[in-house]
Amino acid sequence: MKLEHKVYKELLKVPKGKVTTYGELAKAVGLKNGQRAIGRMMNKNPFPVIVPCHRVILSSGKIGGYAWGEKIKTNMLSKEGVKIKKGKILDKDKIYRF
């Protein structure tokens, strides 16, 4: 299985209303220090409606980038119940750990 498919499969485990970090997702597929690689994969995600790449954030709690812009990512997460202020996740309990 291609690495991207493994990553997308793991990301499908993150439920609506939760987020994970690029680092957590990298660890889940066995990529040591693979945060940037995960970021590139999320940016190229060919299935954004199915694979929820908007649920991947920075380890600092900031929402990070999104192919369609941070405002859209913020809106999508907010609609799922994730509270965000000044571009940062407010509730650390919303972070999904694999």
Protein backbone atom coordinates (compact mmCIF):
# COMPACT_ATOMS: atom_id res chain seq x y z
CA MET A 1 0.00 0.00 0.00
CA LYS A 2 1.30 3.45 -0.88
CA LEU A 3 2.28 5.64 2.06
CA GLU A 4 -0.31 8.27 1.12
CA HIS A 5 -3.05 5.65 1.30
CA LYS A 6 -1.84 4.55 4.75
CA VAL A 7 -1.92 8.17 5.90
CA TYR A 8 -5.42 8.75 4.51
CA LYS A 9 -6.63 5.52 6.11
CA GLU A 10 -5.32 6.62 9.52
CA LEU A 11 -6.81 10.08 9.11
CA LEU A 12 -10.23 8.55 8.51
CA LYS A 13 -10.08 7.41 12.17
CA VAL A 14 -10.19 11.02 13.41
CA PRO A 15 -13.85 11.65 14.22
CA LYS A 16 -15.84 14.76 13.47
CA GLY A 17 -15.23 17.34 16.20
CA LYS A 18 -11.65 16.18 16.83
CA VAL A 19 -8.29 17.10 15.27
CA THR A 20 -4.88 15.50 15.15
CA THR A 21 -1.43 16.91 14.53
CA TYR A 22 0.88 16.40 11.59
CA GLY A 23 3.32 14.74 14.02
CA GLU A 24 0.71 12.36 15.48
CA LEU A 25 -0.33 11.31 11.99
CA ALA A 26 3.31 10.78 10.98
CA LYS A 27 3.90 8.57 14.06
CA ALA A 28 0.74 6.59 13.31
CA VAL A 29 2.19 5.49 9.96
CA GLY A 30 5.76 5.03 11.20
CA LEU A 31 7.29 8.20 9.77
CA LYS A 32 9.84 9.54 12.26
CA ASN A 33 9.91 13.36 12.04
CA GLY A 34 7.55 13.14 9.09
CA GLN A 35 5.43 16.20 9.85
CA ARG A 36 6.41 18.04 6.67
CA ALA A 37 5.82 14.97 4.52
CA ILE A 38 2.36 14.67 6.06
CA GLY A 39 1.73 18.35 5.32
CA ARG A 40 2.63 17.83 1.66
CA MET A 41 0.34 14.81 1.46
CA MET A 42 -2.53 16.77 3.00
CA ASN A 43 -1.96 19.57 0.49
CA LYS A 44 -2.19 17.09 -2.39
CA ASN A 45 -5.14 15.12 -0.94
CA PRO A 46 -7.20 14.09 -3.99
CA PHE A 47 -10.20 13.14 -1.80
CA PRO A 48 -10.81 16.17 0.49
CA VAL A 49 -14.53 15.47 0.76
CA ILE A 50 -13.83 11.91 1.96
CA VAL A 51 -10.43 12.23 3.70
CA PRO A 52 -10.77 15.06 6.27
CA CYS A 53 -7.39 16.76 5.90
CA HIS A 54 -8.87 19.88 7.51
CA ARG A 55 -8.66 17.98 10.82
CA VAL A 56 -4.84 18.05 10.84
CA ILE A 57 -3.26 20.91 12.82
CA LEU A 58 0.15 22.01 14.06
CA SER A 59 1.47 20.62 17.37
CA SER A 60 1.35 24.16 18.78
CA GLY A 61 -2.44 24.09 18.46
CA LYS A 62 -2.48 26.50 15.52
CA ILE A 63 -4.70 25.32 12.71
CA GLY A 64 -1.96 25.57 10.08
CA GLY A 65 -2.41 25.83 6.36
CA TYR A 66 -5.09 24.45 4.10
CA ALA A 67 -5.23 24.15 0.32
CA TRP A 68 -8.39 26.31 0.20
CA GLY A 69 -7.23 28.76 2.87
CA GLU A 70 -7.17 28.98 6.64
CA LYS A 71 -10.54 30.76 6.79
CA ILE A 72 -12.29 27.79 5.16
CA LYS A 73 -10.41 25.34 7.41
CA THR A 74 -11.44 27.36 10.48
CA ASN A 75 -15.06 27.41 9.34
CA MET A 76 -15.10 23.67 8.69
CA LEU A 77 -13.62 22.88 12.11
CA SER A 78 -15.97 25.32 13.84
CA LYS A 79 -18.98 23.65 12.23
CA GLU A 80 -17.71 20.35 13.65
CA GLY A 81 -17.63 21.83 17.15
CA VAL A 82 -13.92 22.66 17.44
CA LYS A 83 -13.47 26.01 19.20
CA ILE A 84 -10.81 28.23 17.62
CA LYS A 85 -9.60 31.66 18.69
CA LYS A 86 -7.00 33.69 16.78
CA GLY A 87 -6.16 30.67 14.63
CA LYS A 88 -5.56 28.31 17.54
CA ILE A 89 -7.51 25.34 18.95
CA LEU A 90 -8.79 26.26 22.42
CA ASP A 91 -9.55 22.79 23.78
CA LYS A 92 -6.57 20.40 23.88
CA ASP A 93 -9.06 17.57 24.62
CA LYS A 94 -10.10 17.85 20.96
CA ILE A 95 -6.73 16.42 19.85
CA TYR A 96 -7.06 12.82 18.70
CA ARG A 97 -4.13 10.54 19.59
CA PHE A 98 -3.63 7.32 17.67
